[in-house]
Amino acid sequence: MPAVIVEVGYLSSTKEQKKLQQSWYQEQLSRAI
C-alpha cells in the first residue's frame, strides 16, 4: 500500500531534541501528521 517515512526532527540538534521531548511540540507534530 502507499507508504511514507516521516522524520519528525533531529535528535542531534540540541535545541530540537528539547522540543521533541515536550508534549506540546509532540502534539503539534502529531496533529500535522
ModelCIF file with pLDDT and N, C-alpha, C, O atoms, coordinates in Angstrom:
data_MODEL
#
_entry.id   MODEL 
#
_entity.id                         1 
_entity.type                       polymer 
_entity.pdbx_number_of_molecules   1 
#
_entity_poly.entity_id                      1 
_entity_poly.type                           'polypeptide(L)' 
_entity_poly.nstd_linkage                   no 
_entity_poly.nstd_monomer                   no 
_entity_poly.pdbx_seq_one_letter_code       MPAVIVEVGYLSSTKEQKKLQQSWYQEQLSRAI 
_entity_poly.pdbx_seq_one_letter_code_can   MPAVIVEVGYLSSTKEQKKLQQSWYQEQLSRAI 
_entity_poly.pdbx_strand_id                 A 
#
loop_
_entity_poly_seq.entity_id 
_entity_poly_seq.num 
_entity_poly_seq.mon_id 
_entity_poly_seq.hetero 
1 1  MET n 
1 2  PRO n 
1 3  ALA n 
1 4  VAL n 
1 5  ILE n 
1 6  VAL n 
1 7  GLU n 
1 8  VAL n 
1 9  GLY n 
1 10 TYR n 
1 11 LEU n 
1 12 SER n 
1 13 SER n 
1 14 THR n 
1 15 LYS n 
1 16 GLU n 
1 17 GLN n 
1 18 LYS n 
1 19 LYS n 
1 20 LEU n 
1 21 GLN n 
1 22 GLN n 
1 23 SER n 
1 24 TRP n 
1 25 TYR n 
1 26 GLN n 
1 27 GLU n 
1 28 GLN n 
1 29 LEU n 
1 30 SER n 
1 31 ARG n 
1 32 ALA n 
1 33 ILE n 
#
_struct_asym.id          A 
_struct_asym.entity_id   1 
#
loop_
_ma_qa_metric.id 
_ma_qa_metric.mode 
_ma_qa_metric.name 
_ma_qa_metric.software_group_id 
_ma_qa_metric.type 
1 global pLDDT . pLDDT 
2 local  pLDDT . pLDDT 
#
_ma_qa_metric_global.metric_id      1 
_ma_qa_metric_global.metric_value   97.24 
_ma_qa_metric_global.model_id       1 
_ma_qa_metric_global.ordinal_id     1 
#
loop_
_ma_qa_metric_local.label_asym_id 
_ma_qa_metric_local.label_comp_id 
_ma_qa_metric_local.label_seq_id 
_ma_qa_metric_local.metric_id 
_ma_qa_metric_local.metric_value 
_ma_qa_metric_local.model_id 
_ma_qa_metric_local.ordinal_id 
A MET 1  2 98.00 1 1  
A PRO 2  2 98.00 1 2  
A ALA 3  2 98.00 1 3  
A VAL 4  2 98.00 1 4  
A ILE 5  2 98.00 1 5  
A VAL 6  2 98.00 1 6  
A GLU 7  2 98.00 1 7  
A VAL 8  2 98.00 1 8  
A GLY 9  2 98.00 1 9  
A TYR 10 2 97.00 1 10 
A LEU 11 2 97.00 1 11 
A SER 12 2 95.00 1 12 
A SER 13 2 95.00 1 13 
A THR 14 2 94.00 1 14 
A LYS 15 2 94.00 1 15 
A GLU 16 2 96.00 1 16 
A GLN 17 2 96.00 1 17 
A LYS 18 2 96.00 1 18 
A LYS 19 2 97.00 1 19 
A LEU 20 2 98.00 1 20 
A GLN 21 2 97.00 1 21 
A GLN 22 2 98.00 1 22 
A SER 23 2 97.00 1 23 
A TRP 24 2 98.00 1 24 
A TYR 25 2 98.00 1 25 
A GLN 26 2 98.00 1 26 
A GLU 27 2 98.00 1 27 
A GLN 28 2 98.00 1 28 
A LEU 29 2 98.00 1 29 
A SER 30 2 98.00 1 30 
A ARG 31 2 98.00 1 31 
A ALA 32 2 98.00 1 32 
A ILE 33 2 98.00 1 33 
#
loop_
_atom_site.group_PDB 
_atom_site.id 
_atom_site.type_symbol 
_atom_site.label_atom_id 
_atom_site.label_alt_id 
_atom_site.label_comp_id 
_atom_site.label_asym_id 
_atom_site.label_entity_id 
_atom_site.label_seq_id 
_atom_site.pdbx_PDB_ins_code 
_atom_site.Cartn_x 
_atom_site.Cartn_y 
_atom_site.Cartn_z 
_atom_site.occupancy 
_atom_site.B_iso_or_equiv 
_atom_site.pdbx_formal_charge 
_atom_site.auth_seq_id 
_atom_site.auth_comp_id 
_atom_site.auth_asym_id 
_atom_site.auth_atom_id 
_atom_site.pdbx_PDB_model_num 
ATOM 1   N N  . MET A 1 1  ? 0.847  -1.193 0.000  1.00 98.00 ? 1  MET A N  1 
ATOM 2   C CA . MET A 1 1  ? 0.000  0.000  0.000  1.00 98.00 ? 1  MET A CA 1 
ATOM 3   C C  . MET A 1 1  ? 0.885  1.247  0.000  1.00 98.00 ? 1  MET A C  1 
ATOM 4   O O  . MET A 1 1  ? 2.083  1.141  0.261  1.00 98.00 ? 1  MET A O  1 
ATOM 5   N N  . PRO A 1 2  ? 0.322  2.431  -0.288 1.00 98.00 ? 2  PRO A N  1 
ATOM 6   C CA . PRO A 1 2  ? 1.121  3.655  -0.219 1.00 98.00 ? 2  PRO A CA 1 
ATOM 7   C C  . PRO A 1 2  ? 1.795  3.782  1.146  1.00 98.00 ? 2  PRO A C  1 
ATOM 8   O O  . PRO A 1 2  ? 1.153  3.588  2.178  1.00 98.00 ? 2  PRO A O  1 
ATOM 9   N N  . ALA A 1 3  ? 3.077  4.105  1.151  1.00 98.00 ? 3  ALA A N  1 
ATOM 10  C CA . ALA A 1 3  ? 3.825  4.147  2.401  1.00 98.00 ? 3  ALA A CA 1 
ATOM 11  C C  . ALA A 1 3  ? 4.764  5.347  2.422  1.00 98.00 ? 3  ALA A C  1 
ATOM 12  O O  . ALA A 1 3  ? 5.306  5.747  1.392  1.00 98.00 ? 3  ALA A O  1 
ATOM 13  N N  . VAL A 1 4  ? 4.946  5.911  3.609  1.00 98.00 ? 4  VAL A N  1 
ATOM 14  C CA . VAL A 1 4  ? 5.864  7.037  3.765  1.00 98.00 ? 4  VAL A CA 1 
ATOM 15  C C  . VAL A 1 4  ? 6.649  6.871  5.061  1.00 98.00 ? 4  VAL A C  1 
ATOM 16  O O  . VAL A 1 4  ? 6.229  6.163  5.976  1.00 98.00 ? 4  VAL A O  1 
ATOM 17  N N  . ILE A 1 5  ? 7.786  7.534  5.117  1.00 98.00 ? 5  ILE A N  1 
ATOM 18  C CA . ILE A 1 5  ? 8.562  7.657  6.344  1.00 98.00 ? 5  ILE A CA 1 
ATOM 19  C C  . ILE A 1 5  ? 8.551  9.127  6.746  1.00 98.00 ? 5  ILE A C  1 
ATOM 20  O O  . ILE A 1 5  ? 8.912  9.998  5.955  1.00 98.00 ? 5  ILE A O  1 
ATOM 21  N N  . VAL A 1 6  ? 8.138  9.393  7.972  1.00 98.00 ? 6  VAL A N  1 
ATOM 22  C CA . VAL A 1 6  ? 8.142  10.761 8.487  1.00 98.00 ? 6  VAL A CA 1 
ATOM 23  C C  . VAL A 1 6  ? 9.241  10.888 9.539  1.00 98.00 ? 6  VAL A C  1 
ATOM 24  O O  . VAL A 1 6  ? 9.182  10.260 10.597 1.00 98.00 ? 6  VAL A O  1 
ATOM 25  N N  . GLU A 1 7  ? 10.231 11.703 9.234  1.00 98.00 ? 7  GLU A N  1 
ATOM 26  C CA . GLU A 1 7  ? 11.292 12.023 10.190 1.00 98.00 ? 7  GLU A CA 1 
ATOM 27  C C  . GLU A 1 7  ? 10.861 13.319 10.880 1.00 98.00 ? 7  GLU A C  1 
ATOM 28  O O  . GLU A 1 7  ? 10.898 14.388 10.271 1.00 98.00 ? 7  GLU A O  1 
ATOM 29  N N  . VAL A 1 8  ? 10.455 13.226 12.138 1.00 98.00 ? 8  VAL A N  1 
ATOM 30  C CA . VAL A 1 8  ? 9.818  14.370 12.797 1.00 98.00 ? 8  VAL A CA 1 
ATOM 31  C C  . VAL A 1 8  ? 10.805 15.440 13.258 1.00 98.00 ? 8  VAL A C  1 
ATOM 32  O O  . VAL A 1 8  ? 10.387 16.527 13.656 1.00 98.00 ? 8  VAL A O  1 
ATOM 33  N N  . GLY A 1 9  ? 12.087 15.156 13.212 1.00 98.00 ? 9  GLY A N  1 
ATOM 34  C CA . GLY A 1 9  ? 13.077 16.131 13.637 1.00 98.00 ? 9  GLY A CA 1 
ATOM 35  C C  . GLY A 1 9  ? 14.432 15.476 13.812 1.00 98.00 ? 9  GLY A C  1 
ATOM 36  O O  . GLY A 1 9  ? 14.650 14.346 13.375 1.00 98.00 ? 9  GLY A O  1 
ATOM 37  N N  . TYR A 1 10 ? 15.351 16.201 14.461 1.00 97.00 ? 10 TYR A N  1 
ATOM 38  C CA . TYR A 1 10 ? 16.721 15.716 14.633 1.00 97.00 ? 10 TYR A CA 1 
ATOM 39  C C  . TYR A 1 10 ? 17.108 15.687 16.105 1.00 97.00 ? 10 TYR A C  1 
ATOM 40  O O  . TYR A 1 10 ? 17.125 16.719 16.776 1.00 97.00 ? 10 TYR A O  1 
ATOM 41  N N  . LEU A 1 11 ? 17.417 14.494 16.594 1.00 97.00 ? 11 LEU A N  1 
ATOM 42  C CA . LEU A 1 11 ? 17.909 14.373 17.962 1.00 97.00 ? 11 LEU A CA 1 
ATOM 43  C C  . LEU A 1 11 ? 19.305 14.958 18.106 1.00 97.00 ? 11 LEU A C  1 
ATOM 44  O O  . LEU A 1 11 ? 19.726 15.307 19.209 1.00 97.00 ? 11 LEU A O  1 
ATOM 45  N N  . SER A 1 12 ? 20.020 15.064 16.997 1.00 95.00 ? 12 SER A N  1 
ATOM 46  C CA . SER A 1 12 ? 21.381 15.593 17.036 1.00 95.00 ? 12 SER A CA 1 
ATOM 47  C C  . SER A 1 12 ? 21.409 17.108 17.203 1.00 95.00 ? 12 SER A C  1 
ATOM 48  O O  . SER A 1 12 ? 22.460 17.689 17.473 1.00 95.00 ? 12 SER A O  1 
ATOM 49  N N  . SER A 1 13 ? 20.248 17.749 17.042 1.00 95.00 ? 13 SER A N  1 
ATOM 50  C CA . SER A 1 13 ? 20.135 19.182 17.310 1.00 95.00 ? 13 SER A CA 1 
ATOM 51  C C  . SER A 1 13 ? 19.711 19.363 18.763 1.00 95.00 ? 13 SER A C  1 
ATOM 52  O O  . SER A 1 13 ? 18.618 18.948 19.150 1.00 95.00 ? 13 SER A O  1 
ATOM 53  N N  . THR A 1 14 ? 20.561 19.974 19.554 1.00 94.00 ? 14 THR A N  1 
ATOM 54  C CA . THR A 1 14 ? 20.266 20.139 20.980 1.00 94.00 ? 14 THR A CA 1 
ATOM 55  C C  . THR A 1 14 ? 18.961 20.892 21.203 1.00 94.00 ? 14 THR A C  1 
ATOM 56  O O  . THR A 1 14 ? 18.167 20.524 22.069 1.00 94.00 ? 14 THR A O  1 
ATOM 57  N N  . LYS A 1 15 ? 18.742 21.942 20.426 1.00 94.00 ? 15 LYS A N  1 
ATOM 58  C CA . LYS A 1 15 ? 17.524 22.740 20.551 1.00 94.00 ? 15 LYS A CA 1 
ATOM 59  C C  . LYS A 1 15 ? 16.290 21.920 20.190 1.00 94.00 ? 15 LYS A C  1 
ATOM 60  O O  . LYS A 1 15 ? 15.283 21.954 20.897 1.00 94.00 ? 15 LYS A O  1 
ATOM 61  N N  . GLU A 1 16 ? 16.378 21.184 19.086 1.00 96.00 ? 16 GLU A N  1 
ATOM 62  C CA . GLU A 1 16 ? 15.220 20.412 18.640 1.00 96.00 ? 16 GLU A CA 1 
ATOM 63  C C  . GLU A 1 16 ? 14.983 19.206 19.536 1.00 96.00 ? 16 GLU A C  1 
ATOM 64  O O  . GLU A 1 16 ? 13.835 18.810 19.741 1.00 96.00 ? 16 GLU A O  1 
ATOM 65  N N  . GLN A 1 17 ? 16.032 18.622 20.066 1.00 96.00 ? 17 GLN A N  1 
ATOM 66  C CA . GLN A 1 17 ? 15.877 17.487 20.969 1.00 96.00 ? 17 GLN A CA 1 
ATOM 67  C C  . GLN A 1 17 ? 15.019 17.873 22.169 1.00 96.00 ? 17 GLN A C  1 
ATOM 68  O O  . GLN A 1 17 ? 14.151 17.112 22.596 1.00 96.00 ? 17 GLN A O  1 
ATOM 69  N N  . LYS A 1 18 ? 15.269 19.051 22.699 1.00 96.00 ? 18 LYS A N  1 
ATOM 70  C CA . LYS A 1 18 ? 14.487 19.515 23.850 1.00 96.00 ? 18 LYS A CA 1 
ATOM 71  C C  . LYS A 1 18 ? 13.014 19.659 23.494 1.00 96.00 ? 18 LYS A C  1 
ATOM 72  O O  . LYS A 1 18 ? 12.140 19.313 24.288 1.00 96.00 ? 18 LYS A O  1 
ATOM 73  N N  . LYS A 1 19 ? 12.741 20.172 22.290 1.00 97.00 ? 19 LYS A N  1 
ATOM 74  C CA . LYS A 1 19 ? 11.339 20.324 21.866 1.00 97.00 ? 19 LYS A CA 1 
ATOM 75  C C  . LYS A 1 19 ? 10.674 18.973 21.640 1.00 97.00 ? 19 LYS A C  1 
ATOM 76  O O  . LYS A 1 19 ? 9.511  18.778 21.992 1.00 97.00 ? 19 LYS A O  1 
ATOM 77  N N  . LEU A 1 20 ? 11.421 18.038 21.048 1.00 98.00 ? 20 LEU A N  1 
ATOM 78  C CA . LEU A 1 20 ? 10.859 16.725 20.748 1.00 98.00 ? 20 LEU A CA 1 
ATOM 79  C C  . LEU A 1 20 ? 10.446 15.968 22.004 1.00 98.00 ? 20 LEU A C  1 
ATOM 80  O O  . LEU A 1 20 ? 9.625  15.053 21.934 1.00 98.00 ? 20 LEU A O  1 
ATOM 81  N N  . GLN A 1 21 ? 10.994 16.330 23.121 1.00 97.00 ? 21 GLN A N  1 
ATOM 82  C CA . GLN A 1 21 ? 10.640 15.685 24.384 1.00 97.00 ? 21 GLN A CA 1 
ATOM 83  C C  . GLN A 1 21 ? 9.436  16.328 25.052 1.00 97.00 ? 21 GLN A C  1 
ATOM 84  O O  . GLN A 1 21 ? 8.899  15.798 26.025 1.00 97.00 ? 21 GLN A O  1 
ATOM 85  N N  . GLN A 1 22 ? 9.009  17.483 24.523 1.00 98.00 ? 22 GLN A N  1 
ATOM 86  C CA . GLN A 1 22 ? 7.901  18.220 25.127 1.00 98.00 ? 22 GLN A CA 1 
ATOM 87  C C  . GLN A 1 22 ? 6.562  17.788 24.528 1.00 98.00 ? 22 GLN A C  1 
ATOM 88  O O  . GLN A 1 22 ? 6.431  17.640 23.313 1.00 98.00 ? 22 GLN A O  1 
ATOM 89  N N  . SER A 1 23 ? 5.578  17.589 25.397 1.00 97.00 ? 23 SER A N  1 
ATOM 90  C CA . SER A 1 23 ? 4.265  17.135 24.950 1.00 97.00 ? 23 SER A CA 1 
ATOM 91  C C  . SER A 1 23 ? 3.617  18.122 23.985 1.00 97.00 ? 23 SER A C  1 
ATOM 92  O O  . SER A 1 23 ? 2.980  17.710 23.015 1.00 97.00 ? 23 SER A O  1 
ATOM 93  N N  . TRP A 1 24 ? 3.772  19.424 24.241 1.00 98.00 ? 24 TRP A N  1 
ATOM 94  C CA . TRP A 1 24 ? 3.129  20.426 23.385 1.00 98.00 ? 24 TRP A CA 1 
ATOM 95  C C  . TRP A 1 24 ? 3.666  20.375 21.960 1.00 98.00 ? 24 TRP A C  1 
ATOM 96  O O  . TRP A 1 24 ? 2.922  20.585 21.003 1.00 98.00 ? 24 TRP A O  1 
ATOM 97  N N  . TYR A 1 25 ? 4.965  20.095 21.821 1.00 98.00 ? 25 TYR A N  1 
ATOM 98  C CA . TYR A 1 25 ? 5.540  20.033 20.477 1.00 98.00 ? 25 TYR A CA 1 
ATOM 99  C C  . TYR A 1 25 ? 5.166  18.723 19.803 1.00 98.00 ? 25 TYR A C  1 
ATOM 100 O O  . TYR A 1 25 ? 4.894  18.700 18.602 1.00 98.00 ? 25 TYR A O  1 
ATOM 101 N N  . GLN A 1 26 ? 5.148  17.638 20.560 1.00 98.00 ? 26 GLN A N  1 
ATOM 102 C CA . GLN A 1 26 ? 4.683  16.359 20.010 1.00 98.00 ? 26 GLN A CA 1 
ATOM 103 C C  . GLN A 1 26 ? 3.245  16.473 19.522 1.00 98.00 ? 26 GLN A C  1 
ATOM 104 O O  . GLN A 1 26 ? 2.878  15.869 18.513 1.00 98.00 ? 26 GLN A O  1 
ATOM 105 N N  . GLU A 1 27 ? 2.428  17.248 20.238 1.00 98.00 ? 27 GLU A N  1 
ATOM 106 C CA . GLU A 1 27 ? 1.039  17.459 19.833 1.00 98.00 ? 27 GLU A CA 1 
ATOM 107 C C  . GLU A 1 27 ? 0.991  18.166 18.476 1.00 98.00 ? 27 GLU A C  1 
ATOM 108 O O  . GLU A 1 27 ? 0.186  17.802 17.619 1.00 98.00 ? 27 GLU A O  1 
ATOM 109 N N  . GLN A 1 28 ? 1.828  19.153 18.280 1.00 98.00 ? 28 GLN A N  1 
ATOM 110 C CA . GLN A 1 28 ? 1.844  19.874 17.008 1.00 98.00 ? 28 GLN A CA 1 
ATOM 111 C C  . GLN A 1 28 ? 2.268  18.959 15.859 1.00 98.00 ? 28 GLN A C  1 
ATOM 112 O O  . GLN A 1 28 ? 1.654  18.961 14.792 1.00 98.00 ? 28 GLN A O  1 
ATOM 113 N N  . LEU A 1 29 ? 3.314  18.187 16.089 1.00 98.00 ? 29 LEU A N  1 
ATOM 114 C CA . LEU A 1 29 ? 3.773  17.252 15.061 1.00 98.00 ? 29 LEU A CA 1 
ATOM 115 C C  . LEU A 1 29 ? 2.708  16.217 14.747 1.00 98.00 ? 29 LEU A C  1 
ATOM 116 O O  . LEU A 1 29 ? 2.447  15.913 13.583 1.00 98.00 ? 29 LEU A O  1 
ATOM 117 N N  . SER A 1 30 ? 2.095  15.679 15.789 1.00 98.00 ? 30 SER A N  1 
ATOM 118 C CA . SER A 1 30 ? 1.086  14.630 15.616 1.00 98.00 ? 30 SER A CA 1 
ATOM 119 C C  . SER A 1 30 ? -0.129 15.156 14.870 1.00 98.00 ? 30 SER A C  1 
ATOM 120 O O  . SER A 1 30 ? -0.692 14.468 14.018 1.00 98.00 ? 30 SER A O  1 
ATOM 121 N N  . ARG A 1 31 ? -0.531 16.388 15.196 1.00 98.00 ? 31 ARG A N  1 
ATOM 122 C CA . ARG A 1 31 ? -1.697 16.981 14.529 1.00 98.00 ? 31 ARG A CA 1 
ATOM 123 C C  . ARG A 1 31 ? -1.415 17.185 13.042 1.00 98.00 ? 31 ARG A C  1 
ATOM 124 O O  . ARG A 1 31 ? -2.284 16.950 12.203 1.00 98.00 ? 31 ARG A O  1 
ATOM 125 N N  . ALA A 1 32 ? -0.201 17.621 12.720 1.00 98.00 ? 32 ALA A N  1 
ATOM 126 C CA . ALA A 1 32 ? 0.162  17.825 11.320 1.00 98.00 ? 32 ALA A CA 1 
ATOM 127 C C  . ALA A 1 32 ? 0.155  16.508 10.552 1.00 98.00 ? 32 ALA A C  1 
ATOM 128 O O  . ALA A 1 32 ? -0.347 16.441 9.430  1.00 98.00 ? 32 ALA A O  1 
ATOM 129 N N  . ILE A 1 33 ? 0.711  15.467 11.154 1.00 98.00 ? 33 ILE A N  1 
ATOM 130 C CA . ILE A 1 33 ? 0.743  14.150 10.505 1.00 98.00 ? 33 ILE A CA 1 
ATOM 131 C C  . ILE A 1 33 ? -0.671 13.607 10.331 1.00 98.00 ? 33 ILE A C  1 
ATOM 132 O O  . ILE A 1 33 ? -0.852 12.510 9.804  1.00 98.00 ? 33 ILE A O  1 
#
